[in-house]
Amino acid sequence: MTTALDYTSINSPAQGLSTDAILQGVREIASGKLARMVGEIDRDGVYPEDVLRSLGAAGAYRSHCGDADIGEGLKISIKAMQIAGEQCLSTSFCMWCQDAMAWYAANSSNAALKSKLGEKVALGATLGGTGLSNPMKTFFGIESMRL
């Protein structure tokens, strides 16, 4: 059954974004607007919404959501988090949350979830995170369930 969202459309190669282009965009955002607000993030608890949306538009959250090799896509996502983390670990953690949510949506059998949120999350138009970290790690044998 085909869903309303075709995840191949958000896979970076299908959009003409190479790995180098994605990571260069992330570098520019991290060394620019993220670097300028890192003090506010750390000192005042400012949520870097504009930065996170910009990172999504640059392709930071979608490389592991399409039909491409998941391992290669994860490497791009992890490298993007690393680049942002060189400026701000809090923002890098928010990227991880966004990446996890994008992956869950992309791999869900829930067609409504995919059509309403999938692409928006992968592109950073809708921001969020996951409350499923511990259950997912438990499912894959990484850690025990902690309720």
N, C-alpha and C. Protein backbone atom coordinates (compact mmCIF):
# COMPACT_ATOMS: atom_id res chain seq x y z
N MET A 1 0.84 -1.18 0.00
CA MET A 1 0.00 0.00 0.00
C MET A 1 0.88 1.24 0.00
N THR A 2 0.57 2.21 -0.82
CA THR A 2 1.34 3.44 -0.91
C THR A 2 0.73 4.48 0.01
N THR A 3 1.58 5.21 0.71
CA THR A 3 1.09 6.27 1.59
C THR A 3 1.12 7.59 0.85
N ALA A 4 0.53 8.61 1.45
CA ALA A 4 0.49 9.93 0.83
C ALA A 4 1.87 10.56 0.75
N LEU A 5 2.80 10.10 1.54
CA LEU A 5 4.14 10.67 1.55
C LEU A 5 5.12 9.68 0.96
N ASP A 6 5.84 10.10 -0.01
CA ASP A 6 6.87 9.28 -0.62
C ASP A 6 8.20 9.72 -0.04
N TYR A 7 8.78 8.91 0.86
CA TYR A 7 10.00 9.31 1.52
C TYR A 7 11.19 9.42 0.59
N THR A 8 11.10 8.87 -0.61
CA THR A 8 12.22 9.07 -1.54
C THR A 8 12.32 10.53 -1.93
N SER A 9 11.22 11.29 -1.80
CA SER A 9 11.26 12.70 -2.16
C SER A 9 12.03 13.54 -1.16
N ILE A 10 12.23 13.01 0.06
CA ILE A 10 12.98 13.79 1.04
C ILE A 10 14.39 13.26 1.22
N ASN A 11 14.73 12.23 0.48
CA ASN A 11 16.09 11.70 0.53
C ASN A 11 17.00 12.69 -0.20
N SER A 12 18.07 13.07 0.41
CA SER A 12 18.90 14.13 -0.15
C SER A 12 19.32 13.92 -1.60
N PRO A 13 19.74 12.73 -2.04
CA PRO A 13 20.12 12.61 -3.45
C PRO A 13 18.96 12.92 -4.40
N ALA A 14 17.74 12.55 -4.02
CA ALA A 14 16.59 12.82 -4.87
C ALA A 14 16.30 14.31 -4.96
N GLN A 15 16.73 15.06 -3.97
CA GLN A 15 16.54 16.50 -3.98
C GLN A 15 17.76 17.21 -4.53
N GLY A 16 18.73 16.47 -4.98
CA GLY A 16 19.91 17.09 -5.54
C GLY A 16 20.90 17.58 -4.51
N LEU A 17 20.73 17.19 -3.26
CA LEU A 17 21.66 17.62 -2.22
C LEU A 17 22.68 16.52 -1.97
N SER A 18 23.92 16.82 -2.25
CA SER A 18 24.97 15.86 -1.97
C SER A 18 25.31 15.90 -0.49
N THR A 19 26.03 14.89 -0.05
CA THR A 19 26.49 14.87 1.34
C THR A 19 27.30 16.12 1.63
N ASP A 20 28.19 16.49 0.71
CA ASP A 20 29.01 17.69 0.90
C ASP A 20 28.16 18.94 1.03
N ALA A 21 27.11 19.05 0.22
CA ALA A 21 26.24 20.22 0.27
C ALA A 21 25.49 20.29 1.61
N ILE A 22 25.00 19.15 2.07
CA ILE A 22 24.30 19.13 3.36
C ILE A 22 25.24 19.57 4.48
N LEU A 23 26.42 18.96 4.52
CA LEU A 23 27.36 19.26 5.61
C LEU A 23 27.90 20.68 5.52
N GLN A 24 28.07 21.19 4.32
CA GLN A 24 28.51 22.59 4.17
C GLN A 24 27.42 23.53 4.69
N GLY A 25 26.18 23.23 4.37
CA GLY A 25 25.08 24.05 4.89
C GLY A 25 25.03 24.02 6.41
N VAL A 26 25.23 22.85 6.99
CA VAL A 26 25.25 22.73 8.45
C VAL A 26 26.42 23.53 9.03
N ARG A 27 27.57 23.45 8.41
CA ARG A 27 28.74 24.22 8.88
C ARG A 27 28.46 25.72 8.87
N GLU A 28 27.84 26.20 7.79
CA GLU A 28 27.54 27.63 7.69
C GLU A 28 26.56 28.07 8.77
N ILE A 29 25.55 27.27 9.02
CA ILE A 29 24.57 27.60 10.07
C ILE A 29 25.24 27.54 11.45
N ALA A 30 26.02 26.50 11.68
CA ALA A 30 26.68 26.34 12.99
C ALA A 30 27.67 27.47 13.27
N SER A 31 28.46 27.82 12.29
CA SER A 31 29.48 28.87 12.52
C SER A 31 28.88 30.26 12.43
N GLY A 32 27.68 30.38 11.92
CA GLY A 32 27.01 31.67 11.80
C GLY A 32 26.00 31.90 12.91
N LYS A 33 24.73 31.67 12.58
CA LYS A 33 23.67 32.01 13.53
C LYS A 33 23.72 31.21 14.82
N LEU A 34 24.15 29.94 14.77
CA LEU A 34 24.25 29.17 16.01
C LEU A 34 25.37 29.72 16.90
N ALA A 35 26.52 29.97 16.34
CA ALA A 35 27.64 30.50 17.13
C ALA A 35 27.28 31.84 17.78
N ARG A 36 26.49 32.64 17.09
CA ARG A 36 26.11 33.96 17.63
C ARG A 36 25.14 33.85 18.80
N MET A 37 24.39 32.75 18.90
CA MET A 37 23.41 32.68 19.98
C MET A 37 23.71 31.63 21.04
N VAL A 38 24.88 30.99 20.96
CA VAL A 38 25.18 29.91 21.89
C VAL A 38 25.18 30.38 23.35
N GLY A 39 25.60 31.59 23.61
CA GLY A 39 25.56 32.13 24.98
C GLY A 39 24.14 32.22 25.51
N GLU A 40 23.23 32.67 24.67
CA GLU A 40 21.82 32.77 25.07
C GLU A 40 21.23 31.37 25.33
N ILE A 41 21.64 30.41 24.51
CA ILE A 41 21.15 29.05 24.68
C ILE A 41 21.63 28.51 26.02
N ASP A 42 22.92 28.64 26.29
CA ASP A 42 23.50 28.10 27.53
C ASP A 42 23.12 28.91 28.76
N ARG A 43 23.19 30.19 28.67
CA ARG A 43 22.98 31.05 29.84
C ARG A 43 21.50 31.26 30.15
N ASP A 44 20.69 31.48 29.09
CA ASP A 44 19.29 31.86 29.29
C ASP A 44 18.29 30.76 28.93
N GLY A 45 18.77 29.63 28.46
CA GLY A 45 17.87 28.54 28.09
C GLY A 45 17.05 28.81 26.85
N VAL A 46 17.55 29.66 25.96
CA VAL A 46 16.83 29.97 24.73
C VAL A 46 16.79 28.73 23.83
N TYR A 47 15.61 28.44 23.32
CA TYR A 47 15.43 27.32 22.40
C TYR A 47 15.81 27.81 20.99
N PRO A 48 16.75 27.14 20.32
CA PRO A 48 17.25 27.64 19.03
C PRO A 48 16.34 27.26 17.85
N GLU A 49 15.09 27.66 17.94
CA GLU A 49 14.09 27.27 16.93
C GLU A 49 14.52 27.62 15.51
N ASP A 50 14.94 28.84 15.28
CA ASP A 50 15.31 29.26 13.93
C ASP A 50 16.50 28.44 13.41
N VAL A 51 17.46 28.18 14.27
CA VAL A 51 18.62 27.38 13.88
C VAL A 51 18.18 25.96 13.52
N LEU A 52 17.33 25.36 14.34
CA LEU A 52 16.87 23.99 14.08
C LEU A 52 16.08 23.91 12.77
N ARG A 53 15.27 24.91 12.51
CA ARG A 53 14.52 24.93 11.24
C ARG A 53 15.49 25.09 10.06
N SER A 54 16.47 25.94 10.22
CA SER A 54 17.46 26.15 9.16
C SER A 54 18.26 24.87 8.89
N LEU A 55 18.61 24.16 9.94
CA LEU A 55 19.34 22.89 9.78
C LEU A 55 18.49 21.88 9.02
N GLY A 56 17.20 21.85 9.29
CA GLY A 56 16.31 20.97 8.56
C GLY A 56 16.23 21.33 7.09
N ALA A 57 16.13 22.63 6.81
CA ALA A 57 16.08 23.07 5.42
C ALA A 57 17.38 22.74 4.69
N ALA A 58 18.48 22.69 5.42
CA ALA A 58 19.78 22.35 4.83
C ALA A 58 19.94 20.85 4.59
N GLY A 59 19.01 20.05 5.11
CA GLY A 59 19.06 18.61 4.89
C GLY A 59 19.56 17.78 6.05
N ALA A 60 19.74 18.40 7.21
CA ALA A 60 20.36 17.71 8.34
C ALA A 60 19.55 16.54 8.89
N TYR A 61 18.22 16.54 8.73
CA TYR A 61 17.38 15.53 9.38
C TYR A 61 16.81 14.47 8.43
N ARG A 62 17.10 14.53 7.16
CA ARG A 62 16.38 13.65 6.25
C ARG A 62 17.21 12.56 5.59
N SER A 63 18.49 12.58 5.73
CA SER A 63 19.32 11.63 4.97
C SER A 63 19.10 10.18 5.37
N HIS A 64 18.61 9.94 6.56
CA HIS A 64 18.38 8.56 7.03
C HIS A 64 16.92 8.14 6.94
N CYS A 65 16.09 8.93 6.26
CA CYS A 65 14.65 8.65 6.20
C CYS A 65 14.17 8.12 4.85
N GLY A 66 14.99 8.17 3.84
CA GLY A 66 14.55 7.73 2.51
C GLY A 66 14.91 6.29 2.23
N ASP A 67 14.96 5.97 0.97
CA ASP A 67 15.27 4.62 0.55
C ASP A 67 16.76 4.36 0.41
N ALA A 68 17.58 5.37 0.63
CA ALA A 68 19.02 5.19 0.51
C ALA A 68 19.54 4.29 1.63
N ASP A 69 20.76 3.86 1.51
CA ASP A 69 21.42 3.03 2.52
C ASP A 69 21.33 3.72 3.88
N ILE A 70 20.65 3.08 4.83
CA ILE A 70 20.44 3.66 6.15
C ILE A 70 21.77 3.97 6.84
N GLY A 71 22.75 3.12 6.66
CA GLY A 71 24.05 3.37 7.28
C GLY A 71 24.70 4.64 6.78
N GLU A 72 24.66 4.85 5.49
CA GLU A 72 25.22 6.08 4.93
C GLU A 72 24.43 7.30 5.39
N GLY A 73 23.11 7.17 5.42
CA GLY A 73 22.27 8.27 5.87
C GLY A 73 22.52 8.63 7.32
N LEU A 74 22.71 7.62 8.15
CA LEU A 74 23.01 7.88 9.56
C LEU A 74 24.36 8.57 9.72
N LYS A 75 25.32 8.19 8.90
CA LYS A 75 26.63 8.85 8.97
C LYS A 75 26.51 10.34 8.69
N ILE A 76 25.68 10.70 7.73
CA ILE A 76 25.47 12.12 7.41
C ILE A 76 24.80 12.81 8.60
N SER A 77 23.76 12.19 9.16
CA SER A 77 23.06 12.79 10.30
C SER A 77 23.98 12.96 11.50
N ILE A 78 24.78 11.95 11.77
CA ILE A 78 25.71 12.02 12.91
C ILE A 78 26.76 13.09 12.67
N LYS A 79 27.28 13.18 11.47
CA LYS A 79 28.28 14.21 11.15
C LYS A 79 27.66 15.60 11.30
N ALA A 80 26.41 15.76 10.88
CA ALA A 80 25.73 17.05 11.04
C ALA A 80 25.61 17.42 12.52
N MET A 81 25.24 16.43 13.36
CA MET A 81 25.16 16.69 14.80
C MET A 81 26.52 17.05 15.37
N GLN A 82 27.56 16.38 14.89
CA GLN A 82 28.92 16.66 15.35
C GLN A 82 29.32 18.09 15.01
N ILE A 83 29.03 18.52 13.81
CA ILE A 83 29.39 19.87 13.38
C ILE A 83 28.68 20.90 14.26
N ALA A 84 27.38 20.73 14.47
CA ALA A 84 26.65 21.67 15.34
C ALA A 84 27.15 21.58 16.77
N GLY A 85 27.48 20.37 17.23
CA GLY A 85 27.96 20.17 18.60
C GLY A 85 29.28 20.85 18.88
N GLU A 86 30.06 21.13 17.86
CA GLU A 86 31.30 21.87 18.06
C GLU A 86 31.02 23.28 18.54
N GLN A 87 29.83 23.78 18.24
CA GLN A 87 29.42 25.11 18.71
C GLN A 87 28.53 25.02 19.95
N CYS A 88 27.60 24.03 19.96
CA CYS A 88 26.60 23.98 21.03
C CYS A 88 26.08 22.56 21.19
N LEU A 89 26.40 21.93 22.32
CA LEU A 89 25.95 20.57 22.56
C LEU A 89 24.44 20.50 22.77
N SER A 90 23.85 21.53 23.33
CA SER A 90 22.40 21.54 23.52
C SER A 90 21.68 21.46 22.17
N THR A 91 22.16 22.22 21.21
CA THR A 91 21.56 22.20 19.88
C THR A 91 21.80 20.85 19.20
N SER A 92 22.96 20.29 19.39
CA SER A 92 23.25 18.98 18.83
C SER A 92 22.29 17.93 19.41
N PHE A 93 22.01 18.01 20.70
CA PHE A 93 21.05 17.10 21.30
C PHE A 93 19.65 17.30 20.71
N CYS A 94 19.25 18.54 20.50
CA CYS A 94 17.95 18.81 19.87
C CYS A 94 17.91 18.22 18.46
N MET A 95 19.04 18.25 17.77
CA MET A 95 19.11 17.63 16.44
C MET A 95 18.89 16.12 16.54
N TRP A 96 19.49 15.49 17.56
CA TRP A 96 19.28 14.06 17.75
C TRP A 96 17.80 13.77 17.96
N CYS A 97 17.13 14.59 18.79
CA CYS A 97 15.70 14.40 19.03
C CYS A 97 14.91 14.51 17.73
N GLN A 98 15.25 15.49 16.91
CA GLN A 98 14.57 15.69 15.64
C GLN A 98 14.84 14.52 14.69
N ASP A 99 16.09 14.08 14.63
CA ASP A 99 16.45 12.94 13.79
C ASP A 99 15.69 11.68 14.20
N ALA A 100 15.58 11.45 15.50
CA ALA A 100 14.86 10.27 15.98
C ALA A 100 13.40 10.35 15.60
N MET A 101 12.79 11.51 15.78
CA MET A 101 11.39 11.67 15.43
C MET A 101 11.18 11.48 13.93
N ALA A 102 12.08 12.00 13.11
CA ALA A 102 11.99 11.83 11.66
C ALA A 102 12.08 10.35 11.28
N TRP A 103 12.99 9.64 11.93
CA TRP A 103 13.17 8.21 11.63
C TRP A 103 11.95 7.42 12.05
N TYR A 104 11.40 7.71 13.23
CA TYR A 104 10.20 7.00 13.68
C TYR A 104 9.06 7.22 12.69
N ALA A 105 8.86 8.47 12.25
CA ALA A 105 7.78 8.77 11.30
C ALA A 105 8.02 8.05 9.98
N ALA A 106 9.26 8.07 9.50
CA ALA A 106 9.58 7.44 8.22
C ALA A 106 9.38 5.94 8.26
N ASN A 107 9.54 5.33 9.40
CA ASN A 107 9.45 3.87 9.52
C ASN A 107 8.14 3.39 10.13
N SER A 108 7.24 4.30 10.35
CA SER A 108 5.94 3.94 10.92
C SER A 108 5.05 3.28 9.87
N SER A 109 4.19 2.39 10.31
CA SER A 109 3.18 1.83 9.41
C SER A 109 1.91 2.67 9.44
N ASN A 110 1.94 3.75 10.19
CA ASN A 110 0.79 4.64 10.32
C ASN A 110 0.81 5.66 9.18
N ALA A 111 -0.02 5.43 8.18
CA ALA A 111 -0.06 6.29 7.00
C ALA A 111 -0.45 7.72 7.35
N ALA A 112 -1.35 7.89 8.31
CA ALA A 112 -1.77 9.24 8.71
C ALA A 112 -0.61 10.01 9.33
N LEU A 113 0.19 9.34 10.15
CA LEU A 113 1.36 9.98 10.75
C LEU A 113 2.32 10.42 9.66
N LYS A 114 2.59 9.53 8.73
CA LYS A 114 3.51 9.86 7.64
C LYS A 114 3.02 11.05 6.83
N SER A 115 1.74 11.04 6.48
CA SER A 115 1.23 12.10 5.62
C SER A 115 1.10 13.44 6.34
N LYS A 116 0.80 13.42 7.63
CA LYS A 116 0.63 14.68 8.37
C LYS A 116 1.95 15.25 8.89
N LEU A 117 2.86 14.37 9.31
CA LEU A 117 4.08 14.86 9.96
C LEU A 117 5.38 14.49 9.27
N GLY A 118 5.41 13.36 8.59
CA GLY A 118 6.67 12.81 8.11
C GLY A 118 7.61 13.79 7.44
N GLU A 119 7.19 14.34 6.32
CA GLU A 119 8.07 15.24 5.57
C GLU A 119 8.32 16.53 6.34
N LYS A 120 7.31 17.04 7.03
CA LYS A 120 7.48 18.28 7.80
C LYS A 120 8.56 18.13 8.87
N VAL A 121 8.60 16.96 9.51
CA VAL A 121 9.62 16.70 10.53
C VAL A 121 10.99 16.56 9.88
N ALA A 122 11.07 15.81 8.80
CA ALA A 122 12.35 15.59 8.13
C ALA A 122 12.94 16.87 7.57
N LEU A 123 12.10 17.83 7.24
CA LEU A 123 12.56 19.11 6.69
C LEU A 123 12.72 20.19 7.77
N GLY A 124 12.36 19.88 9.01
CA GLY A 124 12.49 20.86 10.09
C GLY A 124 11.37 21.88 10.12
N ALA A 125 10.32 21.68 9.33
CA ALA A 125 9.18 22.59 9.36
C ALA A 125 8.36 22.38 10.63
N THR A 126 8.31 21.15 11.10
CA THR A 126 7.70 20.80 12.38
C THR A 126 8.82 20.29 13.28
N LEU A 127 8.96 20.89 14.44
CA LEU A 127 10.03 20.51 15.36
C LEU A 127 9.47 19.68 16.50
N GLY A 128 10.27 18.79 17.02
CA GLY A 128 9.84 17.97 18.14
C GLY A 128 10.92 17.01 18.57
N GLY A 129 10.50 15.97 19.19
CA GLY A 129 11.45 14.99 19.69
C GLY A 129 10.72 13.69 19.94
N THR A 130 11.36 12.86 20.66
CA THR A 130 10.80 11.55 20.91
C THR A 130 10.70 11.28 22.41
N GLY A 131 9.62 10.64 22.80
CA GLY A 131 9.49 10.17 24.17
C GLY A 131 9.73 8.68 24.22
N LEU A 132 10.27 8.13 23.14
CA LEU A 132 10.43 6.69 23.03
C LEU A 132 11.87 6.22 23.13
N SER A 133 12.75 7.04 23.59
CA SER A 133 14.16 6.67 23.61
C SER A 133 14.41 5.38 24.38
N ASN A 134 13.96 5.32 25.62
CA ASN A 134 14.20 4.12 26.42
C ASN A 134 13.49 2.89 25.86
N PRO A 135 12.21 2.98 25.47
CA PRO A 135 11.58 1.79 24.89
C PRO A 135 12.28 1.30 23.62
N MET A 136 12.71 2.22 22.77
CA MET A 136 13.38 1.81 21.54
C MET A 136 14.73 1.15 21.85
N LYS A 137 15.47 1.71 22.80
CA LYS A 137 16.75 1.10 23.19
C LYS A 137 16.52 -0.28 23.80
N THR A 138 15.44 -0.41 24.58
CA THR A 138 15.11 -1.70 25.17
C THR A 138 14.77 -2.72 24.07
N PHE A 139 13.95 -2.29 23.11
CA PHE A 139 13.56 -3.16 22.01
C PHE A 139 14.77 -3.70 21.25
N PHE A 140 15.79 -2.86 21.08
CA PHE A 140 16.99 -3.27 20.34
C PHE A 140 18.09 -3.84 21.24
N GLY A 141 17.79 -4.06 22.54
CA GLY A 141 18.73 -4.70 23.44
C GLY A 141 19.88 -3.83 23.91
N ILE A 142 19.73 -2.53 23.84
CA ILE A 142 20.78 -1.60 24.24
C ILE A 142 20.76 -1.35 25.75
N GLU A 143 19.55 -1.26 26.32
CA GLU A 143 19.41 -1.06 27.76
C GLU A 143 18.10 -1.66 28.22
N SER A 144 17.93 -1.77 29.54
CA SER A 144 16.69 -2.33 30.07
C SER A 144 15.62 -1.23 30.20
N MET A 145 14.37 -1.66 30.26
CA MET A 145 13.25 -0.72 30.40
C MET A 145 13.33 -0.02 31.74
N ARG A 146 13.15 1.30 31.71
CA ARG A 146 13.20 2.10 32.94
C ARG A 146 11.91 2.89 33.06
N LEU A 147 11.02 2.40 33.90
CA LEU A 147 9.73 3.08 34.09
C LEU A 147 9.75 3.85 35.39
